[in-house]
Amino acid sequence: MNLKSLIESLLFVAGRPVTLKELQKTSGKTSEEIRLALEELKAERSNSGIVILEQSGSFLMSSNPENSQAVKDFLNTDLREKLTDAAIETLAIITYKQPVSRAEIEAIRGVNSQYTIRLLMMRGLIEKTLHRDNRSNYYQTTHEFLQHLGITALRDLPDFSELTAKVKPPELFSEPTSPPREGEIERGS
């Protein structure tokens, strides 16, 4: 196993700062080996569009700070576009269940929501907050979200139970069905 490749993969999929201890646990390598691999990766990527940043003993893949203005302009263009159905669904879950973990969001939606959560955070509609156990990240809406909706507090939103009472599950069949009668079933195909 190539340690630099492993570290790069872990930092990429994490989407958050990863501690040296987490990298040690996953790779089975010593902190010295990991630090050496990280320094080599940083040097290799120094002129790349994606760099490895270190902050408070954690490591993160990020776009190169030299490109920050172009990235910001690009993202602002993208952020002015309408929200996707997935983003609206995720935002509704966060709005009514906040604070809520990514695992809870994904359990409700049934799909990985990392990209959608990141998009909502970039748009300033949600923010990450630390749960009271100080280990888990949770998500909640922002003041900007309230301003965007033109409300001053979450209590101004429609009540969740009232909304769900108005939504009925789709009818599976337009007419009641009965079991097939003798002779209507094809036999022996």
N, C-alpha and C. Protein backbone atom coordinates (compact mmCIF):
# COMPACT_ATOMS: atom_id res chain seq x y z
N MET A 1 0.85 -1.18 0.00
CA MET A 1 0.00 0.00 0.00
C MET A 1 0.90 1.24 0.00
N ASN A 2 0.62 2.17 -0.89
CA ASN A 2 1.35 3.42 -1.00
C ASN A 2 0.78 4.40 0.02
N LEU A 3 1.58 4.80 1.01
CA LEU A 3 1.10 5.64 2.10
C LEU A 3 0.63 7.00 1.61
N LYS A 4 1.36 7.62 0.68
CA LYS A 4 0.94 8.94 0.18
C LYS A 4 -0.40 8.83 -0.54
N SER A 5 -0.57 7.79 -1.31
CA SER A 5 -1.84 7.58 -2.02
C SER A 5 -2.98 7.38 -1.03
N LEU A 6 -2.74 6.60 0.02
CA LEU A 6 -3.76 6.37 1.04
C LEU A 6 -4.14 7.67 1.73
N ILE A 7 -3.14 8.44 2.16
CA ILE A 7 -3.41 9.70 2.85
C ILE A 7 -4.21 10.64 1.95
N GLU A 8 -3.80 10.73 0.70
CA GLU A 8 -4.49 11.59 -0.26
C GLU A 8 -5.96 11.16 -0.41
N SER A 9 -6.20 9.88 -0.52
CA SER A 9 -7.57 9.36 -0.63
C SER A 9 -8.39 9.69 0.61
N LEU A 10 -7.80 9.48 1.78
CA LEU A 10 -8.53 9.74 3.03
C LEU A 10 -8.87 11.22 3.17
N LEU A 11 -7.92 12.09 2.87
CA LEU A 11 -8.19 13.53 2.96
C LEU A 11 -9.25 13.96 1.96
N PHE A 12 -9.23 13.35 0.78
CA PHE A 12 -10.21 13.70 -0.25
C PHE A 12 -11.62 13.30 0.15
N VAL A 13 -11.80 12.07 0.62
CA VAL A 13 -13.16 11.61 0.95
C VAL A 13 -13.68 12.17 2.26
N ALA A 14 -12.78 12.56 3.15
CA ALA A 14 -13.22 13.07 4.46
C ALA A 14 -13.99 14.37 4.31
N GLY A 15 -13.52 15.27 3.46
CA GLY A 15 -14.21 16.54 3.30
C GLY A 15 -14.15 17.41 4.55
N ARG A 16 -13.23 17.10 5.44
CA ARG A 16 -13.07 17.82 6.71
C ARG A 16 -11.63 17.64 7.14
N PRO A 17 -11.16 18.43 8.11
CA PRO A 17 -9.81 18.22 8.61
C PRO A 17 -9.69 16.83 9.27
N VAL A 18 -8.59 16.16 9.00
CA VAL A 18 -8.33 14.82 9.54
C VAL A 18 -7.10 14.90 10.44
N THR A 19 -7.21 14.35 11.62
CA THR A 19 -6.10 14.41 12.58
C THR A 19 -5.02 13.39 12.24
N LEU A 20 -3.83 13.65 12.75
CA LEU A 20 -2.72 12.73 12.59
C LEU A 20 -3.06 11.37 13.21
N LYS A 21 -3.74 11.41 14.34
CA LYS A 21 -4.14 10.18 15.03
C LYS A 21 -5.08 9.34 14.15
N GLU A 22 -6.02 9.99 13.47
CA GLU A 22 -6.94 9.27 12.57
C GLU A 22 -6.16 8.63 11.42
N LEU A 23 -5.19 9.36 10.88
CA LEU A 23 -4.38 8.82 9.79
C LEU A 23 -3.54 7.64 10.27
N GLN A 24 -3.02 7.73 11.49
CA GLN A 24 -2.26 6.62 12.08
C GLN A 24 -3.13 5.38 12.24
N LYS A 25 -4.31 5.58 12.80
CA LYS A 25 -5.22 4.46 13.06
C LYS A 25 -5.59 3.75 11.77
N THR A 26 -5.90 4.52 10.74
CA THR A 26 -6.34 3.92 9.48
C THR A 26 -5.20 3.26 8.72
N SER A 27 -4.03 3.88 8.74
CA SER A 27 -2.91 3.37 7.95
C SER A 27 -2.05 2.34 8.68
N GLY A 28 -2.06 2.39 10.02
CA GLY A 28 -1.20 1.51 10.79
C GLY A 28 0.26 1.95 10.79
N LYS A 29 0.51 3.17 10.33
CA LYS A 29 1.87 3.70 10.26
C LYS A 29 2.14 4.62 11.45
N THR A 30 3.42 4.90 11.69
CA THR A 30 3.80 5.78 12.80
C THR A 30 3.54 7.24 12.43
N SER A 31 3.50 8.08 13.44
CA SER A 31 3.28 9.51 13.18
C SER A 31 4.42 10.10 12.35
N GLU A 32 5.65 9.61 12.56
CA GLU A 32 6.79 10.09 11.78
C GLU A 32 6.63 9.75 10.30
N GLU A 33 6.22 8.50 10.02
CA GLU A 33 6.01 8.08 8.63
C GLU A 33 4.91 8.92 7.97
N ILE A 34 3.85 9.17 8.72
CA ILE A 34 2.74 9.95 8.17
C ILE A 34 3.16 11.39 7.94
N ARG A 35 3.86 11.98 8.89
CA ARG A 35 4.33 13.37 8.73
C ARG A 35 5.25 13.50 7.51
N LEU A 36 6.15 12.54 7.32
CA LEU A 36 7.04 12.56 6.17
C LEU A 36 6.24 12.48 4.87
N ALA A 37 5.26 11.57 4.81
CA ALA A 37 4.42 11.43 3.62
C ALA A 37 3.62 12.71 3.38
N LEU A 38 3.10 13.32 4.44
CA LEU A 38 2.35 14.57 4.31
C LEU A 38 3.23 15.70 3.78
N GLU A 39 4.45 15.79 4.28
CA GLU A 39 5.38 16.83 3.80
C GLU A 39 5.69 16.63 2.32
N GLU A 40 5.88 15.38 1.90
CA GLU A 40 6.13 15.09 0.49
C GLU A 40 4.91 15.46 -0.35
N LEU A 41 3.71 15.11 0.13
CA LEU A 41 2.49 15.46 -0.59
C LEU A 41 2.33 16.97 -0.71
N LYS A 42 2.59 17.68 0.39
CA LYS A 42 2.50 19.15 0.36
C LYS A 42 3.44 19.73 -0.69
N ALA A 43 4.67 19.23 -0.72
CA ALA A 43 5.66 19.73 -1.68
C ALA A 43 5.23 19.42 -3.12
N GLU A 44 4.75 18.20 -3.35
CA GLU A 44 4.31 17.80 -4.70
C GLU A 44 3.13 18.63 -5.17
N ARG A 45 2.27 19.02 -4.25
CA ARG A 45 1.04 19.72 -4.61
C ARG A 45 1.15 21.24 -4.50
N SER A 46 2.31 21.75 -4.13
CA SER A 46 2.43 23.19 -3.86
C SER A 46 2.04 24.07 -5.05
N ASN A 47 2.23 23.59 -6.28
CA ASN A 47 1.85 24.36 -7.47
C ASN A 47 0.61 23.79 -8.14
N SER A 48 -0.10 22.95 -7.44
CA SER A 48 -1.29 22.29 -7.96
C SER A 48 -2.54 23.10 -7.59
N GLY A 49 -3.64 22.78 -8.21
CA GLY A 49 -4.91 23.43 -7.87
C GLY A 49 -5.47 22.95 -6.55
N ILE A 50 -5.05 21.76 -6.13
CA ILE A 50 -5.48 21.19 -4.85
C ILE A 50 -4.24 21.05 -3.98
N VAL A 51 -4.30 21.62 -2.79
CA VAL A 51 -3.17 21.58 -1.86
C VAL A 51 -3.60 20.93 -0.55
N ILE A 52 -2.62 20.59 0.27
CA ILE A 52 -2.91 20.04 1.59
C ILE A 52 -2.55 21.11 2.61
N LEU A 53 -3.53 21.48 3.41
CA LEU A 53 -3.35 22.49 4.44
C LEU A 53 -3.28 21.82 5.80
N GLU A 54 -2.50 22.42 6.69
CA GLU A 54 -2.43 21.94 8.07
C GLU A 54 -2.93 23.05 8.98
N GLN A 55 -3.83 22.68 9.87
CA GLN A 55 -4.34 23.64 10.83
C GLN A 55 -4.58 22.93 12.16
N SER A 56 -3.96 23.40 13.19
CA SER A 56 -4.12 22.86 14.55
C SER A 56 -3.91 21.34 14.60
N GLY A 57 -2.93 20.84 13.87
CA GLY A 57 -2.62 19.42 13.92
C GLY A 57 -3.53 18.54 13.08
N SER A 58 -4.40 19.16 12.28
CA SER A 58 -5.27 18.41 11.37
C SER A 58 -4.92 18.80 9.94
N PHE A 59 -5.24 17.91 9.01
CA PHE A 59 -4.88 18.11 7.62
C PHE A 59 -6.13 18.06 6.76
N LEU A 60 -6.12 18.89 5.70
CA LEU A 60 -7.30 19.07 4.87
C LEU A 60 -6.88 19.31 3.43
N MET A 61 -7.60 18.71 2.49
CA MET A 61 -7.39 19.04 1.08
C MET A 61 -8.24 20.27 0.78
N SER A 62 -7.65 21.20 0.05
CA SER A 62 -8.35 22.45 -0.25
C SER A 62 -7.90 22.96 -1.61
N SER A 63 -8.70 23.85 -2.18
CA SER A 63 -8.24 24.50 -3.41
C SER A 63 -7.07 25.42 -3.04
N ASN A 64 -6.18 25.61 -3.98
CA ASN A 64 -4.99 26.42 -3.74
C ASN A 64 -5.40 27.86 -3.43
N PRO A 65 -4.93 28.41 -2.29
CA PRO A 65 -5.28 29.79 -1.93
C PRO A 65 -4.94 30.81 -3.02
N GLU A 66 -3.95 30.52 -3.87
CA GLU A 66 -3.61 31.43 -4.97
C GLU A 66 -4.77 31.59 -5.96
N ASN A 67 -5.64 30.60 -6.00
CA ASN A 67 -6.78 30.64 -6.93
C ASN A 67 -8.06 31.09 -6.25
N SER A 68 -7.96 31.60 -5.05
CA SER A 68 -9.15 31.86 -4.24
C SER A 68 -10.15 32.80 -4.90
N GLN A 69 -9.69 33.86 -5.56
CA GLN A 69 -10.63 34.80 -6.17
C GLN A 69 -11.39 34.15 -7.32
N ALA A 70 -10.68 33.41 -8.17
CA ALA A 70 -11.34 32.73 -9.29
C ALA A 70 -12.32 31.68 -8.78
N VAL A 71 -11.94 30.94 -7.75
CA VAL A 71 -12.83 29.94 -7.17
C VAL A 71 -14.06 30.61 -6.58
N LYS A 72 -13.85 31.71 -5.86
CA LYS A 72 -14.96 32.44 -5.26
C LYS A 72 -15.93 32.94 -6.33
N ASP A 73 -15.39 33.51 -7.40
CA ASP A 73 -16.25 33.99 -8.50
C ASP A 73 -17.04 32.85 -9.12
N PHE A 74 -16.36 31.72 -9.33
CA PHE A 74 -17.02 30.55 -9.91
C PHE A 74 -18.14 30.05 -9.00
N LEU A 75 -17.86 29.94 -7.71
CA LEU A 75 -18.86 29.45 -6.77
C LEU A 75 -20.02 30.42 -6.63
N ASN A 76 -19.74 31.71 -6.63
CA ASN A 76 -20.83 32.68 -6.53
C ASN A 76 -21.76 32.59 -7.72
N THR A 77 -21.21 32.33 -8.90
CA THR A 77 -22.05 32.13 -10.08
C THR A 77 -22.94 30.91 -9.88
N ASP A 78 -22.34 29.82 -9.41
CA ASP A 78 -23.07 28.58 -9.17
C ASP A 78 -24.10 28.76 -8.06
N LEU A 79 -23.76 29.56 -7.05
CA LEU A 79 -24.64 29.72 -5.90
C LEU A 79 -25.87 30.55 -6.22
N ARG A 80 -25.81 31.35 -7.27
CA ARG A 80 -26.97 32.17 -7.63
C ARG A 80 -28.04 31.33 -8.34
N GLU A 81 -27.65 30.17 -8.79
CA GLU A 81 -28.61 29.29 -9.45
C GLU A 81 -29.56 28.70 -8.42
N LYS A 82 -30.67 28.18 -8.91
CA LYS A 82 -31.68 27.60 -8.01
C LYS A 82 -31.14 26.37 -7.31
N LEU A 83 -31.73 26.08 -6.16
CA LEU A 83 -31.38 24.86 -5.43
C LEU A 83 -31.96 23.65 -6.15
N THR A 84 -31.23 22.56 -6.11
CA THR A 84 -31.71 21.31 -6.68
C THR A 84 -32.77 20.71 -5.75
N ASP A 85 -33.50 19.73 -6.24
CA ASP A 85 -34.48 19.04 -5.38
C ASP A 85 -33.78 18.40 -4.19
N ALA A 86 -32.59 17.83 -4.41
CA ALA A 86 -31.85 17.21 -3.31
C ALA A 86 -31.47 18.24 -2.26
N ALA A 87 -31.07 19.43 -2.70
CA ALA A 87 -30.70 20.49 -1.76
C ALA A 87 -31.92 20.98 -0.98
N ILE A 88 -33.05 21.11 -1.65
CA ILE A 88 -34.28 21.55 -0.97
C ILE A 88 -34.70 20.51 0.06
N GLU A 89 -34.64 19.24 -0.33
CA GLU A 89 -35.00 18.16 0.59
C GLU A 89 -34.08 18.16 1.82
N THR A 90 -32.79 18.28 1.58
CA THR A 90 -31.82 18.29 2.68
C THR A 90 -32.03 19.51 3.57
N LEU A 91 -32.26 20.66 2.97
CA LEU A 91 -32.49 21.88 3.74
C LEU A 91 -33.76 21.77 4.59
N ALA A 92 -34.79 21.14 4.05
CA ALA A 92 -36.03 20.95 4.82
C ALA A 92 -35.78 20.04 6.03
N ILE A 93 -35.02 18.99 5.83
CA ILE A 93 -34.70 18.08 6.94
C ILE A 93 -33.94 18.83 8.03
N ILE A 94 -32.94 19.59 7.62
CA ILE A 94 -32.14 20.35 8.59
C ILE A 94 -33.01 21.38 9.29
N THR A 95 -33.87 22.06 8.54
CA THR A 95 -34.72 23.10 9.11
C THR A 95 -35.61 22.56 10.21
N TYR A 96 -36.25 21.43 9.96
CA TYR A 96 -37.23 20.92 10.92
C TYR A 96 -36.65 19.97 11.96
N LYS A 97 -35.44 19.49 11.77
CA LYS A 97 -34.88 18.54 12.73
C LYS A 97 -33.63 19.08 13.43
N GLN A 98 -33.27 20.32 13.17
CA GLN A 98 -32.01 20.85 13.70
C GLN A 98 -31.94 20.91 15.21
N PRO A 99 -30.74 20.75 15.76
CA PRO A 99 -29.51 20.35 15.08
C PRO A 99 -29.58 18.88 14.70
N VAL A 100 -29.04 18.54 13.53
CA VAL A 100 -29.14 17.18 13.01
C VAL A 100 -27.79 16.75 12.44
N SER A 101 -27.44 15.50 12.64
CA SER A 101 -26.16 14.99 12.14
C SER A 101 -26.28 14.58 10.67
N ARG A 102 -25.14 14.48 10.02
CA ARG A 102 -25.15 14.03 8.63
C ARG A 102 -25.71 12.61 8.53
N ALA A 103 -25.39 11.77 9.51
CA ALA A 103 -25.90 10.39 9.50
C ALA A 103 -27.43 10.38 9.56
N GLU A 104 -28.00 11.25 10.37
CA GLU A 104 -29.47 11.32 10.47
C GLU A 104 -30.07 11.81 9.15
N ILE A 105 -29.43 12.80 8.54
CA ILE A 105 -29.91 13.32 7.25
C ILE A 105 -29.88 12.20 6.21
N GLU A 106 -28.78 11.47 6.17
CA GLU A 106 -28.64 10.40 5.18
C GLU A 106 -29.59 9.24 5.46
N ALA A 107 -29.89 8.99 6.72
CA ALA A 107 -30.86 7.93 7.06
C ALA A 107 -32.25 8.31 6.55
N ILE A 108 -32.60 9.57 6.65
CA ILE A 108 -33.91 10.03 6.18
C ILE A 108 -33.95 10.03 4.66
N ARG A 109 -32.90 10.55 4.02
CA ARG A 109 -32.89 10.67 2.56
C ARG A 109 -32.57 9.34 1.87
N GLY A 110 -31.80 8.49 2.54
CA GLY A 110 -31.44 7.21 1.95
C GLY A 110 -30.26 7.29 0.98
N VAL A 111 -29.58 8.43 0.93
CA VAL A 111 -28.43 8.59 0.05
C VAL A 111 -27.36 9.43 0.74
N ASN A 112 -26.13 9.34 0.22
CA ASN A 112 -25.04 10.16 0.73
C ASN A 112 -25.36 11.63 0.47
N SER A 113 -25.23 12.45 1.48
CA SER A 113 -25.61 13.86 1.37
C SER A 113 -24.45 14.81 1.56
N GLN A 114 -23.23 14.31 1.53
CA GLN A 114 -22.06 15.14 1.80
C GLN A 114 -21.97 16.32 0.83
N TYR A 115 -22.12 16.07 -0.47
CA TYR A 115 -22.01 17.14 -1.46
C TYR A 115 -23.11 18.17 -1.25
N THR A 116 -24.33 17.72 -1.02
CA THR A 116 -25.46 18.63 -0.85
C THR A 116 -25.28 19.48 0.39
N ILE A 117 -24.82 18.88 1.48
CA ILE A 117 -24.57 19.63 2.71
C ILE A 117 -23.49 20.68 2.46
N ARG A 118 -22.44 20.30 1.77
CA ARG A 118 -21.36 21.24 1.47
C ARG A 118 -21.88 22.41 0.63
N LEU A 119 -22.72 22.12 -0.35
CA LEU A 119 -23.30 23.17 -1.18
C LEU A 119 -24.14 24.13 -0.35
N LEU A 120 -24.98 23.59 0.54
CA LEU A 120 -25.81 24.44 1.40
C LEU A 120 -24.96 25.29 2.33
N MET A 121 -23.84 24.74 2.80
CA MET A 121 -22.93 25.51 3.65
C MET A 121 -22.27 26.63 2.84
N MET A 122 -21.85 26.33 1.62
CA MET A 122 -21.22 27.36 0.78
C MET A 122 -22.20 28.49 0.47
N ARG A 123 -23.45 28.16 0.35
CA ARG A 123 -24.46 29.18 0.10
C ARG A 123 -24.83 29.96 1.36
N GLY A 124 -24.31 29.52 2.49
CA GLY A 124 -24.57 30.23 3.74
C GLY A 124 -25.93 29.94 4.33
N LEU A 125 -26.59 28.86 3.88
CA LEU A 125 -27.93 28.53 4.37
C LEU A 125 -27.88 27.66 5.62
N ILE A 126 -26.81 26.88 5.76
CA ILE A 126 -26.65 26.05 6.96
C ILE A 126 -25.23 26.22 7.49
N GLU A 127 -25.04 25.81 8.73
CA GLU A 127 -23.72 25.86 9.33
C GLU A 127 -23.50 24.62 10.18
N LYS A 128 -22.23 24.31 10.36
CA LYS A 128 -21.85 23.17 11.18
C LYS A 128 -21.75 23.65 12.62
N THR A 129 -22.25 22.86 13.54
CA THR A 129 -22.14 23.18 14.96
C THR A 129 -21.68 21.94 15.69
N LEU A 130 -20.97 22.13 16.76
CA LEU A 130 -20.47 21.00 17.54
C LEU A 130 -21.52 20.57 18.54
N HIS A 131 -21.81 19.28 18.58
CA HIS A 131 -22.79 18.75 19.53
C HIS A 131 -22.23 18.84 20.93
N ARG A 132 -23.10 18.74 21.90
CA ARG A 132 -22.67 18.91 23.29
C ARG A 132 -21.63 17.88 23.73
N ASP A 133 -21.51 16.75 23.03
CA ASP A 133 -20.47 15.78 23.39
C ASP A 133 -19.09 16.21 22.86
N ASN A 134 -19.07 17.34 22.13
CA ASN A 134 -17.84 17.93 21.59
C ASN A 134 -17.10 17.03 20.61
N ARG A 135 -17.77 16.01 20.08
CA ARG A 135 -17.13 15.13 19.10
C ARG A 135 -17.91 15.08 17.80
N SER A 136 -19.20 15.29 17.87
CA SER A 136 -20.04 15.11 16.69
C SER A 136 -20.39 16.45 16.06
N ASN A 137 -20.34 16.49 14.74
CA ASN A 137 -20.78 17.67 14.01
C ASN A 137 -22.26 17.55 13.71
N TYR A 138 -22.95 18.63 13.92
CA TYR A 138 -24.37 18.71 13.61
C TYR A 138 -24.58 19.91 12.71
N TYR A 139 -25.72 19.96 12.04
CA TYR A 139 -26.02 21.05 11.12
C TYR A 139 -27.28 21.77 11.56
N GLN A 140 -27.28 23.08 11.32
CA GLN A 140 -28.44 23.90 11.63
C GLN A 140 -28.50 25.03 10.60
N THR A 141 -29.65 25.66 10.50
CA THR A 141 -29.80 26.76 9.56
C THR A 141 -29.13 28.01 10.12
N THR A 142 -28.87 28.97 9.24
CA THR A 142 -28.18 30.20 9.61
C THR A 142 -29.16 31.37 9.64
N HIS A 143 -28.66 32.50 10.13
CA HIS A 143 -29.46 33.73 10.10
C HIS A 143 -29.72 34.15 8.65
N GLU A 144 -28.75 33.89 7.79
CA GLU A 144 -28.91 34.20 6.37
C GLU A 144 -30.08 33.42 5.77
N PHE A 145 -30.25 32.18 6.20
CA PHE A 145 -31.38 31.36 5.76
C PHE A 145 -32.70 32.03 6.15
N LEU A 146 -32.78 32.48 7.40
CA LEU A 146 -33.99 33.16 7.87
C LEU A 146 -34.24 34.43 7.06
N GLN A 147 -33.20 35.20 6.80
CA GLN A 147 -33.33 36.42 6.01
C GLN A 147 -33.81 36.10 4.60
N HIS A 148 -33.27 35.04 4.03
CA HIS A 148 -33.66 34.63 2.68
C HIS A 148 -35.15 34.31 2.61
N LEU A 149 -35.67 33.69 3.68
CA LEU A 149 -37.10 33.36 3.73
C LEU A 149 -37.96 34.55 4.16
N GLY A 150 -37.32 35.59 4.67
CA GLY A 150 -38.07 36.76 5.12
C GLY A 150 -38.74 36.55 6.46
N ILE A 151 -38.14 35.72 7.31
CA ILE A 151 -38.69 35.48 8.64
C ILE A 151 -37.63 35.81 9.68
N THR A 152 -38.05 36.01 10.91
CA THR A 152 -37.10 36.39 11.95
C THR A 152 -36.72 35.23 12.86
N ALA A 153 -37.52 34.18 12.87
CA ALA A 153 -37.24 33.03 13.74
C ALA A 153 -37.84 31.77 13.14
N LEU A 154 -37.30 30.63 13.53
CA LEU A 154 -37.82 29.35 13.03
C LEU A 154 -39.28 29.14 13.42
N ARG A 155 -39.69 29.72 14.52
CA ARG A 155 -41.09 29.55 14.95
C ARG A 155 -42.07 30.17 13.94
N ASP A 156 -41.57 31.03 13.04
CA ASP A 156 -42.42 31.64 12.02
C ASP A 156 -42.70 30.68 10.86
N LEU A 157 -42.00 29.56 10.82
CA LEU A 157 -42.23 28.56 9.77
C LEU A 157 -43.53 27.81 10.04
N PRO A 158 -44.14 27.24 9.00
CA PRO A 158 -45.32 26.39 9.23
C PRO A 158 -44.96 25.22 10.14
N ASP A 159 -45.89 24.79 10.96
CA ASP A 159 -45.67 23.67 11.86
C ASP A 159 -45.47 22.39 11.05
N PHE A 160 -44.46 21.61 11.42
CA PHE A 160 -44.12 20.40 10.68
C PHE A 160 -45.28 19.41 10.65
N SER A 161 -45.94 19.21 11.78
CA SER A 161 -47.05 18.23 11.83
C SER A 161 -48.21 18.68 10.95
N GLU A 162 -48.46 19.99 10.86
CA GLU A 162 -49.52 20.48 9.98
C GLU A 162 -49.16 20.23 8.52
N LEU A 163 -47.91 20.46 8.18
CA LEU A 163 -47.47 20.23 6.80
C LEU A 163 -47.60 18.76 6.41
N THR A 164 -47.16 17.88 7.29
CA THR A 164 -47.20 16.46 6.96
C THR A 164 -48.63 15.92 6.94
N ALA A 165 -49.52 16.53 7.70
CA ALA A 165 -50.91 16.09 7.69
C ALA A 165 -51.58 16.41 6.35
N LYS A 166 -51.11 17.46 5.69
CA LYS A 166 -51.68 17.86 4.40
C LYS A 166 -51.17 17.01 3.24
N VAL A 167 -50.04 16.36 3.44
CA VAL A 167 -49.44 15.55 2.39
C VAL A 167 -49.90 14.12 2.56
N LYS A 168 -50.56 13.60 1.55
CA LYS A 168 -51.02 12.21 1.60
C LYS A 168 -50.15 11.37 0.69
N PRO A 169 -49.88 10.14 1.09
CA PRO A 169 -49.08 9.28 0.21
C PRO A 169 -49.82 9.04 -1.11
N PRO A 170 -49.09 8.91 -2.20
CA PRO A 170 -49.75 8.70 -3.49
C PRO A 170 -50.52 7.38 -3.50
N GLU A 171 -51.61 7.40 -4.22
CA GLU A 171 -52.42 6.19 -4.38
C GLU A 171 -51.64 5.21 -5.26
N LEU A 172 -51.51 4.00 -4.80
CA LEU A 172 -50.80 3.01 -5.59
C LEU A 172 -51.65 2.50 -6.75
N PHE A 173 -52.93 2.41 -6.52
CA PHE A 173 -53.85 1.96 -7.57
C PHE A 173 -55.02 2.91 -7.62
N SER A 174 -55.48 3.21 -8.81
CA SER A 174 -56.61 4.13 -8.92
C SER A 174 -57.91 3.45 -8.52
N GLU A 175 -58.00 2.15 -8.69
CA GLU A 175 -59.21 1.42 -8.31
C GLU A 175 -58.82 0.25 -7.41
N PRO A 176 -59.71 -0.14 -6.51
CA PRO A 176 -59.40 -1.31 -5.69
C PRO A 176 -59.24 -2.53 -6.59
N THR A 177 -58.34 -3.40 -6.22
CA THR A 177 -58.13 -4.61 -7.02
C THR A 177 -58.55 -5.83 -6.21
N SER A 178 -58.88 -6.87 -6.93
CA SER A 178 -59.22 -8.13 -6.28
C SER A 178 -58.32 -9.20 -6.88
N PRO A 179 -58.14 -10.31 -6.18
CA PRO A 179 -57.29 -11.36 -6.73
C PRO A 179 -57.85 -11.88 -8.04
N PRO A 180 -56.98 -12.37 -8.95
CA PRO A 180 -57.47 -12.89 -10.23
C PRO A 180 -58.34 -14.12 -10.02
N ARG A 181 -59.31 -14.24 -10.90
CA ARG A 181 -60.20 -15.41 -10.84
C ARG A 181 -59.57 -16.58 -11.58
N GLU A 182 -60.07 -17.78 -11.29
CA GLU A 182 -59.60 -18.99 -11.95
C GLU A 182 -59.71 -18.81 -13.45
N GLY A 183 -58.68 -19.19 -14.17
CA GLY A 183 -58.69 -19.07 -15.62
C GLY A 183 -58.04 -17.78 -16.11
N GLU A 184 -57.89 -16.77 -15.22
CA GLU A 184 -57.27 -15.51 -15.62
C GLU A 184 -55.74 -15.57 -15.49
N ILE A 185 -55.25 -16.60 -14.83
CA ILE A 185 -53.81 -16.72 -14.62
C ILE A 185 -53.23 -17.56 -15.73
N GLU A 186 -52.18 -17.05 -16.38
CA GLU A 186 -51.52 -17.84 -17.41
C GLU A 186 -50.74 -18.96 -16.75
N ARG A 187 -50.81 -20.11 -17.32
CA ARG A 187 -50.12 -21.25 -16.75
C ARG A 187 -49.03 -21.74 -17.68
N GLY A 188 -47.97 -22.24 -17.02
CA GLY A 188 -46.94 -23.00 -17.72
C GLY A 188 -46.18 -22.30 -18.80
N SER A 189 -45.80 -21.04 -18.67
CA SER A 189 -45.00 -20.39 -19.70
C SER A 189 -43.60 -20.89 -19.67
